[in-house]
Structure formats: C-alpha cells, structure tokens
N, C-alpha and C. Protein backbone atom coordinates (compact mmCIF):
# COMPACT_ATOMS: atom_id res chain seq x y z
N MET A 1 -4.59 -101.33 -104.33
CA MET A 1 -5.54 -101.16 -105.52
C MET A 1 -4.73 -100.87 -106.81
N ARG A 2 -3.67 -100.23 -106.80
CA ARG A 2 -2.91 -100.00 -107.93
C ARG A 2 -2.33 -101.19 -108.62
N LYS A 3 -1.91 -102.18 -107.81
CA LYS A 3 -1.50 -103.47 -108.29
C LYS A 3 -2.74 -104.08 -109.03
N LYS A 4 -3.86 -104.14 -108.49
CA LYS A 4 -4.92 -104.79 -109.05
C LYS A 4 -5.22 -104.18 -110.50
N LEU A 5 -5.18 -102.90 -110.54
CA LEU A 5 -5.53 -102.24 -111.93
C LEU A 5 -4.33 -102.51 -112.95
N LEU A 6 -3.16 -102.61 -112.52
CA LEU A 6 -2.05 -102.85 -113.44
C LEU A 6 -2.29 -104.34 -113.93
N PHE A 7 -2.51 -105.23 -112.99
CA PHE A 7 -2.84 -106.64 -113.35
C PHE A 7 -4.02 -106.77 -114.34
N PHE A 8 -5.13 -106.04 -114.09
CA PHE A 8 -6.18 -106.09 -114.94
C PHE A 8 -5.89 -105.46 -116.47
N ALA A 9 -5.22 -104.41 -116.45
CA ALA A 9 -4.81 -103.90 -117.70
C ALA A 9 -3.77 -104.93 -118.56
N PHE A 10 -3.03 -105.52 -117.83
CA PHE A 10 -1.97 -106.59 -118.44
C PHE A 10 -2.94 -107.73 -118.95
N ALA A 11 -3.98 -108.29 -118.17
CA ALA A 11 -4.81 -109.31 -118.63
C ALA A 11 -5.62 -108.92 -119.79
N LEU A 12 -6.06 -107.70 -119.97
CA LEU A 12 -6.71 -107.32 -121.18
C LEU A 12 -5.86 -107.34 -122.35
N ILE A 13 -4.60 -106.87 -122.21
CA ILE A 13 -3.69 -106.87 -123.26
C ILE A 13 -3.31 -108.34 -123.66
N ALA A 14 -3.14 -109.18 -122.63
CA ALA A 14 -2.72 -110.57 -122.97
C ALA A 14 -3.77 -111.48 -123.41
N SER A 15 -5.00 -111.09 -123.24
CA SER A 15 -6.10 -112.08 -123.61
C SER A 15 -6.20 -112.20 -125.18
N LEU A 16 -5.74 -111.23 -125.92
CA LEU A 16 -5.71 -111.44 -127.38
C LEU A 16 -4.39 -111.04 -127.91
N THR A 17 -3.59 -112.08 -128.27
CA THR A 17 -2.34 -111.90 -128.84
C THR A 17 -2.02 -112.93 -129.82
N MET A 18 -1.25 -112.53 -130.92
CA MET A 18 -0.62 -113.20 -131.92
C MET A 18 0.77 -113.50 -131.82
N GLN A 19 1.40 -114.54 -131.59
CA GLN A 19 2.74 -114.65 -131.33
C GLN A 19 3.61 -114.47 -132.63
N ALA A 20 4.74 -113.78 -132.34
CA ALA A 20 5.75 -113.56 -133.45
C ALA A 20 6.71 -114.79 -133.41
N GLN A 21 7.39 -114.95 -134.62
CA GLN A 21 8.16 -116.04 -134.71
C GLN A 21 9.50 -115.59 -135.51
N GLU A 22 10.61 -116.19 -135.45
CA GLU A 22 11.73 -115.96 -136.26
C GLU A 22 12.03 -117.31 -136.91
N ILE A 23 12.09 -117.11 -138.28
CA ILE A 23 12.12 -118.23 -139.11
C ILE A 23 13.26 -118.24 -140.04
N LYS A 24 14.18 -119.22 -140.14
CA LYS A 24 15.13 -119.44 -141.08
C LYS A 24 14.64 -120.14 -142.31
N VAL A 25 15.05 -119.66 -143.42
CA VAL A 25 14.51 -120.10 -144.83
C VAL A 25 15.79 -120.30 -145.56
N VAL A 26 15.57 -121.32 -146.51
CA VAL A 26 16.65 -121.74 -147.48
C VAL A 26 15.92 -121.16 -148.80
N PRO A 27 16.94 -120.50 -149.56
CA PRO A 27 16.30 -119.87 -150.92
C PRO A 27 15.80 -120.96 -151.70
N GLY A 28 14.72 -120.84 -152.38
CA GLY A 28 14.04 -121.78 -153.13
C GLY A 28 13.20 -122.88 -152.43
N GLU A 29 13.19 -122.84 -151.17
CA GLU A 29 12.48 -123.99 -150.50
C GLU A 29 11.25 -123.46 -149.86
N ILE A 30 10.41 -124.32 -149.52
CA ILE A 30 9.05 -124.00 -149.02
C ILE A 30 9.17 -123.93 -147.37
N PHE A 31 8.64 -123.05 -146.67
CA PHE A 31 8.51 -123.05 -145.22
C PHE A 31 7.20 -122.81 -144.84
N THR A 32 6.87 -122.97 -143.55
CA THR A 32 5.61 -122.68 -142.81
C THR A 32 5.73 -121.68 -141.92
N LEU A 33 4.53 -120.88 -141.84
CA LEU A 33 4.42 -119.77 -140.82
C LEU A 33 3.05 -120.05 -140.13
N ASP A 34 3.18 -120.27 -138.77
CA ASP A 34 1.76 -120.35 -137.95
C ASP A 34 1.39 -119.07 -137.57
N ILE A 35 0.04 -118.90 -137.75
CA ILE A 35 -0.62 -117.63 -137.08
C ILE A 35 -1.37 -118.22 -135.88
N SER A 36 -1.04 -117.71 -134.74
CA SER A 36 -1.58 -118.18 -133.53
C SER A 36 -2.32 -117.25 -132.73
N MET A 37 -3.12 -117.59 -131.74
CA MET A 37 -4.01 -116.46 -131.03
C MET A 37 -4.18 -117.11 -129.69
N ASP A 38 -4.27 -116.35 -128.63
CA ASP A 38 -4.84 -116.62 -127.26
C ASP A 38 -5.99 -115.75 -127.21
N ASN A 39 -6.95 -116.34 -126.62
CA ASN A 39 -8.28 -115.51 -126.41
C ASN A 39 -8.93 -116.06 -125.18
N GLU A 40 -9.54 -114.99 -124.41
CA GLU A 40 -10.36 -115.36 -123.25
C GLU A 40 -11.72 -115.70 -123.56
N GLU A 41 -12.24 -115.03 -124.43
CA GLU A 41 -13.76 -115.04 -124.90
C GLU A 41 -13.95 -116.18 -126.07
N GLU A 42 -14.97 -116.60 -126.35
CA GLU A 42 -15.33 -117.65 -127.36
C GLU A 42 -15.30 -116.84 -128.56
N VAL A 43 -14.38 -117.23 -129.56
CA VAL A 43 -14.36 -116.52 -130.88
C VAL A 43 -14.87 -117.45 -131.96
N CYS A 44 -15.72 -116.89 -132.88
CA CYS A 44 -16.27 -117.68 -133.89
C CYS A 44 -15.81 -117.28 -135.35
N ALA A 45 -15.03 -116.14 -135.40
CA ALA A 45 -14.47 -115.73 -136.67
C ALA A 45 -13.22 -114.90 -136.47
N TRP A 46 -12.26 -114.95 -137.41
CA TRP A 46 -11.13 -114.10 -137.27
C TRP A 46 -10.55 -113.55 -138.61
N GLN A 47 -9.96 -112.57 -138.69
CA GLN A 47 -9.41 -112.01 -139.95
C GLN A 47 -7.90 -111.42 -139.64
N ALA A 48 -7.06 -111.65 -140.66
CA ALA A 48 -5.81 -110.93 -140.57
C ALA A 48 -5.31 -110.80 -141.98
N THR A 49 -4.44 -109.67 -142.06
CA THR A 49 -3.86 -109.31 -143.34
C THR A 49 -2.28 -109.82 -143.24
N VAL A 50 -1.83 -110.47 -144.19
CA VAL A 50 -0.51 -110.93 -144.06
C VAL A 50 0.21 -110.06 -145.29
N VAL A 51 1.37 -109.29 -144.86
CA VAL A 51 2.10 -108.54 -145.81
C VAL A 51 3.37 -109.39 -146.06
N LEU A 52 3.71 -109.84 -147.34
CA LEU A 52 4.83 -110.61 -147.55
C LEU A 52 5.97 -109.72 -148.21
N PRO A 53 7.25 -109.78 -147.57
CA PRO A 53 8.27 -109.02 -148.19
C PRO A 53 8.71 -109.50 -149.61
N GLU A 54 9.43 -108.66 -150.23
CA GLU A 54 9.92 -109.08 -151.68
C GLU A 54 10.79 -110.39 -151.46
N GLY A 55 10.53 -111.35 -152.42
CA GLY A 55 11.19 -112.67 -152.40
C GLY A 55 10.54 -113.71 -151.61
N ILE A 56 9.34 -113.45 -150.96
CA ILE A 56 8.58 -114.41 -150.26
C ILE A 56 7.23 -114.40 -150.76
N GLU A 57 6.83 -115.57 -151.16
CA GLU A 57 5.33 -115.84 -151.79
C GLU A 57 4.79 -117.02 -151.36
N PHE A 58 3.36 -117.03 -151.62
CA PHE A 58 2.61 -118.15 -151.10
C PHE A 58 3.04 -119.36 -152.08
N ALA A 59 3.20 -120.66 -151.43
CA ALA A 59 3.59 -121.90 -152.19
C ALA A 59 2.20 -122.43 -152.74
N ARG A 60 1.71 -121.79 -153.68
CA ARG A 60 0.30 -122.16 -154.17
C ARG A 60 0.32 -123.43 -155.01
N LYS A 61 -0.78 -124.10 -154.99
CA LYS A 61 -1.02 -125.37 -155.79
C LYS A 61 -2.30 -124.98 -156.51
N GLY A 62 -2.18 -124.81 -157.76
CA GLY A 62 -3.42 -124.43 -158.66
C GLY A 62 -3.96 -122.97 -158.07
N GLY A 63 -5.24 -123.01 -157.58
CA GLY A 63 -5.74 -121.75 -157.24
C GLY A 63 -5.70 -121.68 -155.67
N ASP A 64 -5.13 -122.69 -154.96
CA ASP A 64 -5.12 -122.80 -153.61
C ASP A 64 -3.93 -122.15 -153.10
N TYR A 65 -4.15 -121.13 -152.14
CA TYR A 65 -2.90 -120.49 -151.49
C TYR A 65 -2.06 -121.39 -150.59
N GLY A 66 -2.49 -122.53 -150.24
CA GLY A 66 -1.77 -123.34 -149.27
C GLY A 66 -1.90 -122.88 -147.78
N ILE A 67 -3.07 -122.40 -147.48
CA ILE A 67 -3.31 -122.12 -146.05
C ILE A 67 -4.20 -123.20 -145.54
N LYS A 68 -3.77 -123.71 -144.29
CA LYS A 68 -4.51 -124.94 -143.68
C LYS A 68 -4.97 -124.40 -142.25
N LEU A 69 -6.28 -124.47 -142.09
CA LEU A 69 -6.92 -124.13 -140.75
C LEU A 69 -6.48 -125.12 -139.83
N SER A 70 -6.22 -124.84 -138.60
CA SER A 70 -5.82 -125.76 -137.54
C SER A 70 -7.03 -126.40 -136.91
N GLU A 71 -6.78 -127.43 -136.17
CA GLU A 71 -7.87 -128.40 -135.43
C GLU A 71 -8.66 -127.50 -134.40
N ARG A 72 -8.30 -126.33 -134.25
CA ARG A 72 -9.07 -125.36 -133.35
C ARG A 72 -10.39 -124.99 -133.97
N HIS A 73 -10.53 -125.29 -135.34
CA HIS A 73 -11.71 -124.81 -136.01
C HIS A 73 -12.63 -126.03 -136.00
N PRO A 74 -13.86 -125.88 -135.62
CA PRO A 74 -14.87 -126.93 -135.74
C PRO A 74 -15.05 -127.25 -137.27
N THR A 75 -15.80 -128.40 -137.53
CA THR A 75 -16.11 -128.44 -138.98
C THR A 75 -16.99 -127.42 -139.48
N ARG A 76 -16.89 -127.25 -140.83
CA ARG A 76 -17.78 -126.34 -141.57
C ARG A 76 -17.26 -124.84 -141.35
N TYR A 77 -16.14 -124.66 -141.06
CA TYR A 77 -15.46 -123.32 -141.18
C TYR A 77 -15.10 -122.99 -142.55
N SER A 78 -15.25 -121.77 -142.95
CA SER A 78 -15.12 -121.28 -144.22
C SER A 78 -13.68 -120.36 -144.28
N LEU A 79 -12.89 -120.60 -145.20
CA LEU A 79 -11.70 -119.74 -145.40
C LEU A 79 -11.67 -119.01 -146.72
N GLN A 80 -11.52 -117.88 -146.59
CA GLN A 80 -11.30 -117.12 -147.85
C GLN A 80 -10.07 -116.11 -147.83
N VAL A 81 -9.42 -116.11 -148.97
CA VAL A 81 -8.16 -115.25 -149.08
C VAL A 81 -8.46 -114.28 -150.23
N PHE A 82 -8.12 -113.01 -149.94
CA PHE A 82 -8.21 -111.95 -150.87
C PHE A 82 -6.84 -111.24 -151.19
N ARG A 83 -6.37 -111.11 -152.21
CA ARG A 83 -5.13 -110.29 -152.56
C ARG A 83 -5.63 -108.77 -152.76
N SER A 84 -4.96 -107.86 -152.19
CA SER A 84 -5.48 -106.28 -152.33
C SER A 84 -5.55 -106.05 -153.76
N THR A 85 -4.39 -106.27 -154.48
CA THR A 85 -4.44 -105.97 -156.05
C THR A 85 -3.53 -107.08 -156.64
N GLU A 86 -3.53 -107.11 -157.94
CA GLU A 86 -2.84 -108.19 -158.56
C GLU A 86 -1.41 -108.14 -158.31
N LYS A 87 -0.74 -106.93 -158.17
CA LYS A 87 0.83 -106.81 -157.92
C LYS A 87 1.04 -106.55 -156.48
N SER A 88 0.04 -106.61 -155.75
CA SER A 88 0.24 -106.49 -154.15
C SER A 88 0.70 -107.63 -153.54
N ASN A 89 1.49 -107.34 -152.45
CA ASN A 89 1.99 -108.34 -151.46
C ASN A 89 1.11 -108.57 -150.22
N GLU A 90 -0.10 -108.02 -150.29
CA GLU A 90 -1.00 -108.02 -149.07
C GLU A 90 -2.10 -109.13 -149.30
N TYR A 91 -2.32 -109.98 -148.28
CA TYR A 91 -3.41 -110.94 -148.54
C TYR A 91 -4.19 -110.97 -147.18
N THR A 92 -5.61 -110.66 -147.40
CA THR A 92 -6.38 -110.85 -146.18
C THR A 92 -6.94 -112.22 -146.02
N ILE A 93 -6.81 -112.85 -145.01
CA ILE A 93 -7.35 -114.17 -144.74
C ILE A 93 -8.50 -113.94 -143.72
N ILE A 94 -9.63 -114.55 -144.05
CA ILE A 94 -10.71 -114.59 -143.23
C ILE A 94 -11.26 -115.97 -142.90
N ALA A 95 -11.52 -116.45 -141.78
CA ALA A 95 -11.98 -117.59 -141.34
C ALA A 95 -13.37 -117.42 -140.39
N TYR A 96 -14.53 -118.04 -140.94
CA TYR A 96 -15.54 -117.75 -140.06
C TYR A 96 -16.50 -119.15 -140.34
N ASN A 97 -17.54 -118.96 -139.30
CA ASN A 97 -18.54 -120.26 -139.24
C ASN A 97 -19.99 -119.53 -139.20
N THR A 98 -20.71 -119.77 -140.12
CA THR A 98 -22.16 -119.14 -140.14
C THR A 98 -22.92 -119.73 -138.94
N SER A 99 -22.73 -120.86 -138.51
CA SER A 99 -23.35 -121.38 -137.36
C SER A 99 -22.89 -120.75 -135.89
N LEU A 100 -21.78 -119.95 -135.96
CA LEU A 100 -21.42 -119.30 -134.66
C LEU A 100 -20.72 -120.26 -133.74
N ASN A 101 -20.30 -121.41 -134.29
CA ASN A 101 -19.54 -122.43 -133.59
C ASN A 101 -18.17 -121.78 -133.22
N PRO A 102 -17.80 -121.74 -131.77
CA PRO A 102 -16.50 -121.08 -131.34
C PRO A 102 -15.28 -121.95 -131.71
N LEU A 103 -14.26 -121.31 -131.88
CA LEU A 103 -12.97 -122.19 -131.94
C LEU A 103 -12.76 -122.93 -130.76
N LYS A 104 -12.11 -124.12 -130.81
CA LYS A 104 -11.86 -125.09 -129.66
C LYS A 104 -10.66 -124.40 -128.93
N GLY A 105 -10.86 -124.31 -127.73
CA GLY A 105 -9.65 -123.95 -126.84
C GLY A 105 -9.57 -122.39 -126.84
N ASN A 106 -8.52 -121.86 -125.94
CA ASN A 106 -8.29 -120.47 -125.74
C ASN A 106 -6.89 -120.04 -126.24
N SER A 107 -6.07 -121.12 -126.88
CA SER A 107 -4.82 -120.79 -127.16
C SER A 107 -4.29 -121.68 -128.34
N GLY A 108 -3.45 -121.16 -129.13
CA GLY A 108 -2.95 -122.15 -130.17
C GLY A 108 -3.02 -121.60 -131.56
N THR A 109 -2.54 -122.47 -132.48
CA THR A 109 -2.40 -121.98 -133.83
C THR A 109 -3.78 -121.92 -134.40
N LEU A 110 -3.90 -120.85 -135.26
CA LEU A 110 -5.30 -120.77 -136.11
C LEU A 110 -5.09 -121.35 -137.36
N ALA A 111 -3.91 -121.05 -137.99
CA ALA A 111 -3.66 -121.42 -139.54
C ALA A 111 -2.27 -121.56 -139.65
N THR A 112 -1.86 -122.49 -140.60
CA THR A 112 -0.47 -122.61 -141.12
C THR A 112 -0.38 -122.17 -142.48
N LEU A 113 0.58 -121.14 -142.86
CA LEU A 113 0.69 -120.64 -144.22
C LEU A 113 1.83 -121.56 -144.77
N ARG A 114 1.83 -121.97 -146.17
CA ARG A 114 2.78 -122.50 -146.79
C ARG A 114 3.38 -121.50 -147.69
N LEU A 115 4.76 -121.06 -147.34
CA LEU A 115 5.34 -119.88 -148.28
C LEU A 115 6.58 -120.53 -148.78
N ARG A 116 7.13 -119.70 -149.73
CA ARG A 116 8.42 -120.12 -150.48
C ARG A 116 9.24 -118.94 -150.50
N ALA A 117 10.54 -119.03 -150.22
CA ALA A 117 11.57 -118.07 -150.58
C ALA A 117 11.97 -118.16 -152.06
N SER A 118 12.24 -117.18 -152.64
CA SER A 118 12.65 -117.20 -153.97
C SER A 118 14.05 -117.72 -154.15
N GLU A 119 14.62 -118.21 -155.28
CA GLU A 119 15.96 -118.83 -155.38
C GLU A 119 16.97 -117.72 -154.90
N SER A 120 16.81 -116.46 -155.21
CA SER A 120 17.69 -115.50 -154.89
C SER A 120 17.54 -114.73 -153.67
N TYR A 121 16.66 -115.31 -152.74
CA TYR A 121 16.48 -114.59 -151.41
C TYR A 121 17.63 -114.49 -150.60
N SER A 122 17.85 -113.33 -150.03
CA SER A 122 19.00 -113.45 -149.03
C SER A 122 18.73 -112.39 -148.09
N GLY A 123 19.45 -112.32 -147.09
CA GLY A 123 19.42 -111.16 -146.06
C GLY A 123 18.21 -111.54 -144.97
N GLU A 124 17.65 -110.51 -144.51
CA GLU A 124 16.65 -110.65 -143.39
C GLU A 124 15.50 -109.60 -143.73
N SER A 125 14.32 -110.22 -143.51
CA SER A 125 13.11 -109.25 -143.82
C SER A 125 12.05 -109.55 -142.82
N MET A 126 10.99 -108.94 -142.81
CA MET A 126 9.79 -109.23 -142.05
C MET A 126 8.54 -109.56 -142.75
N ILE A 127 7.83 -110.48 -142.19
CA ILE A 127 6.38 -110.73 -142.62
C ILE A 127 5.44 -110.11 -141.57
N GLN A 128 4.81 -109.14 -141.94
CA GLN A 128 3.82 -108.61 -141.14
C GLN A 128 2.38 -109.16 -141.06
N VAL A 129 1.72 -109.28 -139.85
CA VAL A 129 0.47 -109.75 -139.79
C VAL A 129 -0.34 -108.62 -139.09
N ILE A 130 -1.07 -107.87 -140.06
CA ILE A 130 -1.72 -106.61 -139.46
C ILE A 130 -3.19 -106.68 -139.60
N ASN A 131 -3.85 -105.58 -139.15
CA ASN A 131 -5.45 -105.63 -139.07
C ASN A 131 -6.17 -106.81 -138.61
N GLN A 132 -5.58 -107.36 -137.62
CA GLN A 132 -6.11 -108.57 -137.05
C GLN A 132 -7.36 -108.34 -136.17
N SER A 133 -8.39 -109.24 -136.34
CA SER A 133 -9.60 -108.90 -135.53
C SER A 133 -10.30 -110.28 -135.34
N GLN A 134 -11.07 -110.38 -134.29
CA GLN A 134 -11.78 -111.62 -134.10
C GLN A 134 -13.27 -111.08 -133.70
N SER A 135 -14.19 -111.85 -134.01
CA SER A 135 -15.61 -111.79 -133.51
C SER A 135 -15.98 -112.84 -132.51
N THR A 136 -16.60 -112.38 -131.49
CA THR A 136 -17.02 -113.43 -130.53
C THR A 136 -18.47 -114.02 -130.74
N THR A 137 -18.68 -115.00 -130.03
CA THR A 137 -20.18 -115.56 -130.22
C THR A 137 -21.17 -114.60 -129.79
N LYS A 138 -20.81 -113.63 -129.14
CA LYS A 138 -21.64 -112.59 -128.59
C LYS A 138 -21.80 -111.41 -129.54
N ALA A 139 -21.20 -111.63 -130.75
CA ALA A 139 -21.23 -110.47 -131.86
C ALA A 139 -20.34 -109.31 -131.32
N LYS A 140 -19.31 -109.43 -130.61
CA LYS A 140 -18.48 -108.38 -130.21
C LYS A 140 -17.14 -108.47 -130.92
N SER A 141 -16.75 -107.38 -131.59
CA SER A 141 -15.45 -107.34 -132.49
C SER A 141 -14.37 -106.99 -131.59
N LEU A 142 -13.29 -107.74 -131.69
CA LEU A 142 -12.00 -107.60 -130.82
C LEU A 142 -10.84 -107.37 -131.74
N LYS A 143 -10.05 -106.23 -131.48
CA LYS A 143 -8.87 -106.03 -132.28
C LYS A 143 -7.74 -106.48 -131.66
N VAL A 144 -6.73 -107.09 -132.39
CA VAL A 144 -5.46 -107.44 -131.95
C VAL A 144 -4.22 -106.77 -132.38
N SER A 145 -3.28 -106.58 -131.60
CA SER A 145 -2.07 -105.82 -132.11
C SER A 145 -1.30 -106.59 -133.21
N ASP A 146 -0.79 -105.74 -134.02
CA ASP A 146 0.02 -106.30 -135.23
C ASP A 146 1.21 -106.81 -134.80
N LYS A 147 1.70 -107.83 -135.52
CA LYS A 147 2.89 -108.73 -135.18
C LYS A 147 3.82 -108.66 -136.48
N SER A 148 5.27 -108.83 -136.25
CA SER A 148 6.06 -109.02 -137.45
C SER A 148 6.89 -110.27 -137.13
N HIS A 149 7.03 -111.10 -138.19
CA HIS A 149 7.81 -112.24 -138.14
C HIS A 149 9.11 -112.15 -138.93
N THR A 150 10.12 -112.35 -138.28
CA THR A 150 11.47 -112.14 -138.75
C THR A 150 11.76 -113.33 -139.82
N ILE A 151 12.15 -113.08 -141.07
CA ILE A 151 12.55 -114.04 -141.92
C ILE A 151 14.01 -113.93 -142.17
N VAL A 152 14.84 -114.88 -141.90
CA VAL A 152 16.32 -114.88 -142.09
C VAL A 152 16.73 -115.95 -143.12
N SER A 153 17.36 -115.42 -144.08
CA SER A 153 17.95 -116.42 -145.08
C SER A 153 19.03 -117.22 -144.52
N ASP A 154 19.02 -118.46 -144.51
CA ASP A 154 20.02 -119.53 -144.20
C ASP A 154 20.90 -119.73 -145.32
N ALA A 155 21.68 -118.91 -145.73
CA ALA A 155 22.50 -118.95 -146.90
C ALA A 155 23.75 -119.83 -146.65
N THR A 156 24.06 -120.02 -145.33
CA THR A 156 25.23 -120.86 -145.10
C THR A 156 25.03 -122.32 -145.43
N ALA A 157 23.82 -122.77 -145.61
CA ALA A 157 23.44 -124.13 -145.90
C ALA A 157 23.58 -124.46 -147.33
N ILE A 158 23.90 -123.40 -148.30
CA ILE A 158 23.92 -123.50 -149.65
C ILE A 158 25.42 -123.14 -150.00
N GLU A 159 26.18 -124.05 -150.84
CA GLU A 159 27.25 -123.89 -151.47
C GLU A 159 26.96 -123.34 -152.93
N THR A 160 27.74 -122.14 -153.28
CA THR A 160 27.75 -121.65 -154.64
C THR A 160 28.71 -122.16 -155.61
N ILE A 161 28.27 -122.70 -156.64
CA ILE A 161 29.26 -123.38 -157.58
C ILE A 161 28.87 -122.83 -159.05
N ASN A 162 30.02 -122.94 -159.98
CA ASN A 162 29.81 -122.72 -161.35
C ASN A 162 29.09 -123.96 -162.05
N ALA A 163 28.35 -123.84 -162.97
CA ALA A 163 27.76 -125.07 -163.80
C ALA A 163 28.78 -125.94 -164.33
N ASP A 164 29.89 -125.55 -164.55
CA ASP A 164 31.01 -126.36 -165.24
C ASP A 164 31.29 -127.46 -164.00
N ALA A 165 31.26 -127.12 -162.87
CA ALA A 165 31.61 -128.07 -161.71
C ALA A 165 30.69 -129.26 -161.56
N LEU A 166 29.60 -129.22 -162.33
CA LEU A 166 28.56 -130.42 -162.22
C LEU A 166 28.80 -131.41 -163.25
N LYS A 167 29.67 -131.30 -164.07
CA LYS A 167 29.78 -132.29 -165.19
C LYS A 167 30.22 -133.65 -164.58
N GLY A 168 29.58 -134.63 -165.04
CA GLY A 168 29.71 -136.07 -164.55
C GLY A 168 29.04 -136.23 -163.13
N LYS A 169 28.22 -135.39 -162.50
CA LYS A 169 27.62 -135.70 -161.31
C LYS A 169 26.00 -135.61 -161.48
N GLU A 170 25.34 -136.31 -160.61
CA GLU A 170 23.88 -136.49 -160.59
C GLU A 170 23.33 -135.24 -159.95
N VAL A 171 22.58 -134.60 -160.72
CA VAL A 171 21.92 -133.25 -160.20
C VAL A 171 20.37 -133.51 -159.90
N PHE A 172 19.95 -133.10 -158.74
CA PHE A 172 18.49 -133.17 -158.59
C PHE A 172 17.84 -131.87 -158.22
N ASN A 173 16.54 -131.60 -158.60
CA ASN A 173 16.02 -130.36 -158.16
C ASN A 173 15.48 -130.49 -156.53
N LEU A 174 14.94 -129.41 -156.04
CA LEU A 174 14.47 -129.57 -154.62
C LEU A 174 13.36 -130.48 -154.41
N SER A 175 12.70 -130.94 -155.47
CA SER A 175 11.55 -131.92 -155.35
C SER A 175 12.08 -133.36 -155.43
N GLY A 176 13.33 -133.50 -155.68
CA GLY A 176 14.03 -134.93 -155.87
C GLY A 176 14.10 -135.42 -157.28
N GLN A 177 13.68 -134.64 -158.18
CA GLN A 177 13.72 -134.95 -159.67
C GLN A 177 15.07 -134.77 -160.22
N ARG A 178 15.45 -135.80 -161.04
CA ARG A 178 16.76 -135.61 -161.73
C ARG A 178 16.69 -134.53 -162.72
N VAL A 179 17.87 -133.80 -162.80
CA VAL A 179 17.79 -132.63 -163.65
C VAL A 179 19.01 -132.95 -164.75
N THR A 180 18.78 -132.92 -165.96
CA THR A 180 19.82 -133.21 -167.11
C THR A 180 20.57 -131.81 -167.41
N LYS A 181 19.87 -130.64 -167.45
CA LYS A 181 20.48 -129.54 -167.82
C LYS A 181 20.12 -128.51 -166.80
N PRO A 182 20.93 -128.35 -165.78
CA PRO A 182 20.67 -127.42 -164.59
C PRO A 182 21.03 -125.97 -165.27
N THR A 183 20.11 -125.01 -164.78
CA THR A 183 20.35 -123.54 -165.18
C THR A 183 20.81 -122.83 -164.02
N SER A 184 21.39 -121.61 -164.40
CA SER A 184 22.04 -120.81 -163.38
C SER A 184 20.84 -120.15 -162.58
N ARG A 185 21.30 -119.75 -161.33
CA ARG A 185 20.44 -118.84 -160.37
C ARG A 185 19.33 -119.89 -159.83
N PHE A 186 19.56 -121.09 -159.73
CA PHE A 186 18.61 -121.99 -159.04
C PHE A 186 19.40 -122.84 -158.11
N VAL A 187 18.65 -123.50 -157.03
CA VAL A 187 19.26 -124.26 -156.08
C VAL A 187 18.98 -125.65 -156.49
N TYR A 188 20.17 -126.54 -156.39
CA TYR A 188 19.88 -127.99 -156.68
C TYR A 188 20.68 -128.81 -155.62
N ILE A 189 20.41 -130.14 -155.70
CA ILE A 189 21.07 -130.97 -154.84
C ILE A 189 22.07 -131.78 -155.56
N VAL A 190 23.31 -131.77 -155.10
CA VAL A 190 24.49 -132.41 -155.73
C VAL A 190 25.25 -133.10 -154.75
N ASP A 191 25.35 -134.42 -154.90
CA ASP A 191 26.11 -135.18 -153.95
C ASP A 191 25.49 -135.00 -152.45
N GLY A 192 24.22 -134.92 -152.43
CA GLY A 192 23.56 -134.76 -150.98
C GLY A 192 23.62 -133.37 -150.44
N LYS A 193 24.15 -132.43 -151.17
CA LYS A 193 24.42 -131.05 -150.58
C LYS A 193 23.51 -130.00 -151.57
N LYS A 194 23.02 -129.01 -150.86
CA LYS A 194 22.29 -127.92 -151.69
C LYS A 194 23.44 -127.11 -152.32
N VAL A 195 23.29 -126.76 -153.60
CA VAL A 195 24.18 -125.76 -154.24
C VAL A 195 23.43 -124.91 -154.92
N PHE A 196 23.92 -123.59 -155.00
CA PHE A 196 23.33 -122.61 -155.89
C PHE A 196 24.28 -122.45 -157.05
N ILE A 197 23.79 -122.49 -158.39
CA ILE A 197 24.48 -122.38 -159.59
C ILE A 197 24.59 -120.88 -159.95
N LYS A 198 25.75 -120.51 -160.10
CA LYS A 198 25.97 -118.97 -160.58
C LYS A 198 25.61 -118.84 -161.95
C-alpha cells in the first residue's frame, strides 16, 4: 500500500512540470529559451512570469517581444506579454484560447523566447520562470513549480583586442554588415573570429 501511495504522489508532481535548461551565451548575441510543459489533463491556457537577470533582455523587433508559440497550440491562440513596470525585468506571458481548444499532446515546448545577452555580459546567472499555472478544459486551475535556467557566458569564444589591432582588416558586426568605424565595448567579427574591442 505504501509503494502505491508514493507512486501516486510522484505521478501528481510529475504531471505538471517545466523543464530547466543550462544555456551558454555569447555576449552581444541572440539565444533562445524554451518553456516546456508536461501535463496529464487537457490544458487550454497557461501563464508564466519570466524574470530576466541583469544583462539579458528580450530580442525585440518593434513592439514584438520575440516570443513564438509552439505547434502544440491550435490555431487562434492569443498571446499577451505584460511587463511589471517600465524598469522591471519581470514579464508575464499568457497564452489562451477563448474556444477552450486544448493544447496538442501532453508534453513538449509551449513557447520559444528570443533573448539577447548584452555586449558586456559575463559570468553566470539565472533566468527564473515563476508563478506558472495552467487552466484545464474543465475550468480547473493547476499550479506548476518554479524553475530556474542557468545562463553561462561563453567568453572563451571571444578574443579581446584593442581597436588599433583592426587597422587594415575587414570588420563586420554580428549581423554580417561591414563596419568602417568599430567602437569599443562591442563584439565584432574579424577574420572569421569573434572579437571584443576594449
């Protein structure tokens, strides 16, 4: 009897999880972070708050935050993003369907976030995904445990040089555009290698 109770408790905990990731980032470059979920019941809406550490921001295009819903969402799912305050690093993401169409499948990525590490980002920090909850097609609200994703700067991939060392060389920005006057504290591509100019 005890084994059955332990298994049942584990099954309840495992039925709603968001997987954590460790991500290596290069300063100045865009990277992605997946928010994934396993669920036993049919879920028609979900919400999560993403807390970004200093030096990490959304790679926005215009007013768009760069969040893409996965194929688990049927058509006509709405996505809304709210920033807590103008200077806050907390973003609440809500995805829902007014027709109560459930997500496809019981496991996998819900959304992919496009993020950017600042040019001077170094060290290791955490992106937190907190206040996660889902609503089932039977109007039941389910809470999910908070997760932290480790973000590690891959500084070994970037060489640091002085601007004087660039004389006579072709310099490109990270988008592949030629730069005639590189400025300090930015990452460029020189001779096919990423360099950080002091």
